[in-house]
Amino acid sequence: MKNSSNSENFSGPVAKVLAVVATFFFFPFFFEYTESRVVNFTIQHYGYDLAEFARIGWIILSVLMIFTLCHFVLTLAFRLSQFLIATCR
């Protein structure tokens, strides 16, 4: 049974927008901390030729990981707040 209340429909787009904003602000800190480790690992194990590909791949993977984690946490927070509001009535 699908619940079509306005609050349920509201949380999805808001969570996505807030996840994009959180990714925009959090990504530079995460990437600055991890980029040298990924590049050094790639150089040590696979050589200099693949270092730039690993860096580009790490950028894409990092953005996707951060966005997914932020979206999950925000969606969970919205759903739990809706549950708490519904049970307190």
N, C-alpha and C. Protein backbone atom coordinates (compact mmCIF):
# COMPACT_ATOMS: atom_id res chain seq x y z
N MET A 1 0.84 -1.16 0.00
CA MET A 1 0.00 0.00 0.00
C MET A 1 0.90 1.23 0.00
N LYS A 2 0.66 2.12 -0.93
CA LYS A 2 1.50 3.31 -1.06
C LYS A 2 0.82 4.50 -0.41
N ASN A 3 1.57 5.19 0.41
CA ASN A 3 1.09 6.39 1.07
C ASN A 3 1.46 7.59 0.22
N SER A 4 0.47 8.39 -0.17
CA SER A 4 0.74 9.52 -1.05
C SER A 4 0.61 10.84 -0.31
N SER A 5 1.11 10.91 0.90
CA SER A 5 1.04 12.16 1.65
C SER A 5 2.06 13.15 1.10
N ASN A 6 1.82 14.41 1.34
CA ASN A 6 2.71 15.45 0.83
C ASN A 6 4.08 15.39 1.47
N SER A 7 4.18 15.03 2.73
CA SER A 7 5.47 14.99 3.40
C SER A 7 6.37 13.90 2.83
N GLU A 8 5.79 12.79 2.39
CA GLU A 8 6.60 11.72 1.81
C GLU A 8 7.15 12.16 0.46
N ASN A 9 6.35 12.81 -0.33
CA ASN A 9 6.80 13.28 -1.62
C ASN A 9 7.79 14.43 -1.48
N PHE A 10 7.74 15.14 -0.39
CA PHE A 10 8.60 16.29 -0.17
C PHE A 10 10.02 15.88 0.18
N SER A 11 10.19 14.77 0.89
CA SER A 11 11.51 14.41 1.41
C SER A 11 12.48 13.96 0.32
N GLY A 12 12.01 13.34 -0.73
CA GLY A 12 12.90 12.85 -1.78
C GLY A 12 13.69 13.92 -2.48
N PRO A 13 13.02 14.91 -3.09
CA PRO A 13 13.77 15.97 -3.78
C PRO A 13 14.62 16.82 -2.83
N VAL A 14 14.11 17.07 -1.64
CA VAL A 14 14.87 17.88 -0.68
C VAL A 14 16.13 17.14 -0.26
N ALA A 15 16.03 15.85 -0.03
CA ALA A 15 17.19 15.05 0.35
C ALA A 15 18.23 15.05 -0.77
N LYS A 16 17.78 14.97 -2.02
CA LYS A 16 18.72 14.98 -3.14
C LYS A 16 19.43 16.32 -3.27
N VAL A 17 18.68 17.40 -3.15
CA VAL A 17 19.29 18.73 -3.25
C VAL A 17 20.27 18.96 -2.11
N LEU A 18 19.89 18.59 -0.90
CA LEU A 18 20.80 18.76 0.24
C LEU A 18 22.01 17.84 0.12
N ALA A 19 21.84 16.66 -0.47
CA ALA A 19 22.97 15.77 -0.69
C ALA A 19 23.95 16.35 -1.71
N VAL A 20 23.42 17.00 -2.74
CA VAL A 20 24.29 17.66 -3.72
C VAL A 20 25.06 18.79 -3.06
N VAL A 21 24.38 19.59 -2.24
CA VAL A 21 25.04 20.69 -1.54
C VAL A 21 26.10 20.16 -0.58
N ALA A 22 25.79 19.12 0.16
CA ALA A 22 26.75 18.53 1.09
C ALA A 22 27.95 17.95 0.34
N THR A 23 27.70 17.33 -0.81
CA THR A 23 28.80 16.80 -1.62
C THR A 23 29.68 17.93 -2.13
N PHE A 24 29.08 19.02 -2.54
CA PHE A 24 29.84 20.17 -3.03
C PHE A 24 30.78 20.71 -1.96
N PHE A 25 30.33 20.75 -0.72
CA PHE A 25 31.16 21.30 0.35
C PHE A 25 32.12 20.27 0.95
N PHE A 26 31.75 19.00 0.99
CA PHE A 26 32.57 17.99 1.65
C PHE A 26 33.62 17.38 0.74
N PHE A 27 33.36 17.32 -0.57
CA PHE A 27 34.26 16.66 -1.51
C PHE A 27 35.68 17.21 -1.48
N PRO A 28 35.91 18.52 -1.50
CA PRO A 28 37.30 19.00 -1.52
C PRO A 28 38.13 18.54 -0.32
N PHE A 29 37.53 18.51 0.86
CA PHE A 29 38.26 18.06 2.04
C PHE A 29 38.61 16.58 1.93
N PHE A 30 37.64 15.77 1.53
CA PHE A 30 37.86 14.34 1.38
C PHE A 30 38.89 14.05 0.31
N PHE A 31 38.78 14.72 -0.82
CA PHE A 31 39.69 14.47 -1.94
C PHE A 31 41.11 14.91 -1.60
N GLU A 32 41.25 16.04 -0.94
CA GLU A 32 42.58 16.52 -0.56
C GLU A 32 43.27 15.52 0.39
N TYR A 33 42.50 14.92 1.26
CA TYR A 33 43.05 13.97 2.22
C TYR A 33 43.42 12.63 1.58
N THR A 34 42.69 12.19 0.58
CA THR A 34 42.87 10.84 0.05
C THR A 34 43.57 10.77 -1.30
N GLU A 35 43.64 11.85 -2.03
CA GLU A 35 44.15 11.81 -3.40
C GLU A 35 45.61 11.35 -3.45
N SER A 36 46.45 11.88 -2.59
CA SER A 36 47.87 11.51 -2.63
C SER A 36 48.05 10.03 -2.32
N ARG A 37 47.23 9.48 -1.44
CA ARG A 37 47.34 8.06 -1.11
C ARG A 37 46.97 7.17 -2.29
N VAL A 38 45.92 7.55 -3.00
CA VAL A 38 45.49 6.76 -4.16
C VAL A 38 46.53 6.84 -5.27
N VAL A 39 47.04 8.04 -5.53
CA VAL A 39 48.03 8.20 -6.60
C VAL A 39 49.33 7.47 -6.25
N ASN A 40 49.79 7.60 -5.01
CA ASN A 40 51.01 6.90 -4.60
C ASN A 40 50.84 5.39 -4.67
N PHE A 41 49.71 4.88 -4.26
CA PHE A 41 49.44 3.45 -4.37
C PHE A 41 49.48 3.00 -5.82
N THR A 42 48.87 3.79 -6.70
CA THR A 42 48.83 3.44 -8.12
C THR A 42 50.23 3.47 -8.71
N ILE A 43 51.03 4.46 -8.37
CA ILE A 43 52.39 4.55 -8.89
C ILE A 43 53.23 3.37 -8.41
N GLN A 44 53.10 3.02 -7.15
CA GLN A 44 53.90 1.92 -6.60
C GLN A 44 53.54 0.57 -7.20
N HIS A 45 52.26 0.34 -7.45
CA HIS A 45 51.83 -0.98 -7.90
C HIS A 45 51.64 -1.09 -9.41
N TYR A 46 51.32 0.02 -10.07
CA TYR A 46 51.00 -0.06 -11.50
C TYR A 46 51.83 0.87 -12.37
N GLY A 47 52.63 1.73 -11.80
CA GLY A 47 53.49 2.61 -12.57
C GLY A 47 52.87 3.99 -12.80
N TYR A 48 53.70 4.86 -13.35
CA TYR A 48 53.28 6.25 -13.57
C TYR A 48 52.22 6.40 -14.65
N ASP A 49 52.17 5.45 -15.55
CA ASP A 49 51.24 5.57 -16.69
C ASP A 49 49.78 5.59 -16.27
N LEU A 50 49.45 4.88 -15.22
CA LEU A 50 48.05 4.80 -14.80
C LEU A 50 47.69 5.77 -13.68
N ALA A 51 48.64 6.57 -13.23
CA ALA A 51 48.38 7.47 -12.10
C ALA A 51 47.30 8.49 -12.41
N GLU A 52 47.33 9.06 -13.60
CA GLU A 52 46.31 10.07 -13.94
C GLU A 52 44.93 9.43 -14.11
N PHE A 53 44.88 8.24 -14.67
CA PHE A 53 43.60 7.54 -14.79
C PHE A 53 43.03 7.19 -13.41
N ALA A 54 43.93 6.79 -12.51
CA ALA A 54 43.49 6.48 -11.14
C ALA A 54 42.97 7.74 -10.46
N ARG A 55 43.62 8.86 -10.70
CA ARG A 55 43.17 10.13 -10.10
C ARG A 55 41.79 10.51 -10.61
N ILE A 56 41.57 10.42 -11.90
CA ILE A 56 40.26 10.74 -12.48
C ILE A 56 39.20 9.77 -11.98
N GLY A 57 39.55 8.48 -11.94
CA GLY A 57 38.61 7.50 -11.42
C GLY A 57 38.29 7.74 -9.96
N TRP A 58 39.29 8.17 -9.18
CA TRP A 58 39.06 8.44 -7.76
C TRP A 58 38.16 9.67 -7.57
N ILE A 59 38.29 10.66 -8.44
CA ILE A 59 37.40 11.82 -8.38
C ILE A 59 35.95 11.37 -8.57
N ILE A 60 35.72 10.59 -9.61
CA ILE A 60 34.36 10.13 -9.91
C ILE A 60 33.82 9.24 -8.78
N LEU A 61 34.64 8.30 -8.34
CA LEU A 61 34.21 7.40 -7.27
C LEU A 61 33.96 8.14 -5.97
N SER A 62 34.80 9.11 -5.66
CA SER A 62 34.63 9.89 -4.43
C SER A 62 33.34 10.69 -4.44
N VAL A 63 33.06 11.34 -5.55
CA VAL A 63 31.82 12.11 -5.65
C VAL A 63 30.61 11.20 -5.50
N LEU A 64 30.64 10.06 -6.15
CA LEU A 64 29.51 9.13 -6.05
C LEU A 64 29.35 8.57 -4.63
N MET A 65 30.47 8.25 -3.98
CA MET A 65 30.39 7.72 -2.61
C MET A 65 29.85 8.77 -1.65
N ILE A 66 30.34 9.99 -1.76
CA ILE A 66 29.90 11.05 -0.84
C ILE A 66 28.43 11.38 -1.07
N PHE A 67 28.03 11.50 -2.34
CA PHE A 67 26.63 11.79 -2.63
C PHE A 67 25.72 10.69 -2.12
N THR A 68 26.09 9.43 -2.35
CA THR A 68 25.26 8.31 -1.92
C THR A 68 25.13 8.27 -0.41
N LEU A 69 26.23 8.46 0.28
CA LEU A 69 26.20 8.45 1.74
C LEU A 69 25.35 9.61 2.28
N CYS A 70 25.54 10.81 1.74
CA CYS A 70 24.75 11.96 2.19
C CYS A 70 23.27 11.78 1.88
N HIS A 71 22.96 11.26 0.71
CA HIS A 71 21.56 11.04 0.34
C HIS A 71 20.92 10.00 1.25
N PHE A 72 21.65 8.93 1.55
CA PHE A 72 21.12 7.91 2.45
C PHE A 72 20.85 8.48 3.84
N VAL A 73 21.81 9.21 4.38
CA VAL A 73 21.66 9.76 5.73
C VAL A 73 20.51 10.77 5.79
N LEU A 74 20.42 11.64 4.80
CA LEU A 74 19.35 12.64 4.80
C LEU A 74 17.98 11.99 4.60
N THR A 75 17.89 11.02 3.72
CA THR A 75 16.62 10.33 3.52
C THR A 75 16.21 9.60 4.79
N LEU A 76 17.15 8.95 5.43
CA LEU A 76 16.87 8.28 6.69
C LEU A 76 16.41 9.28 7.75
N ALA A 77 17.06 10.42 7.82
CA ALA A 77 16.66 11.44 8.80
C ALA A 77 15.26 11.95 8.52
N PHE A 78 14.93 12.19 7.26
CA PHE A 78 13.58 12.64 6.92
C PHE A 78 12.54 11.58 7.25
N ARG A 79 12.83 10.33 6.90
CA ARG A 79 11.87 9.25 7.17
C ARG A 79 11.67 9.04 8.66
N LEU A 80 12.75 9.09 9.42
CA LEU A 80 12.62 8.93 10.87
C LEU A 80 11.86 10.09 11.49
N SER A 81 12.10 11.30 10.99
CA SER A 81 11.35 12.44 11.53
C SER A 81 9.88 12.32 11.19
N GLN A 82 9.55 11.84 9.99
CA GLN A 82 8.15 11.63 9.63
C GLN A 82 7.52 10.56 10.52
N PHE A 83 8.28 9.51 10.79
CA PHE A 83 7.78 8.45 11.68
C PHE A 83 7.53 8.99 13.08
N LEU A 84 8.46 9.78 13.59
CA LEU A 84 8.28 10.33 14.93
C LEU A 84 7.09 11.28 15.00
N ILE A 85 6.91 12.09 13.97
CA ILE A 85 5.77 13.00 13.94
C ILE A 85 4.47 12.21 13.86
N ALA A 86 4.46 11.14 13.07
CA ALA A 86 3.24 10.35 12.91
C ALA A 86 2.88 9.59 14.18
N THR A 87 3.88 9.15 14.91
CA THR A 87 3.59 8.38 16.13
C THR A 87 3.29 9.26 17.33
N CYS A 88 3.66 10.50 17.29
CA CYS A 88 3.42 11.40 18.42
C CYS A 88 2.03 12.03 18.37
N ARG A 89 1.31 11.86 17.28
CA ARG A 89 0.00 12.46 17.15
C ARG A 89 -1.04 11.69 17.92
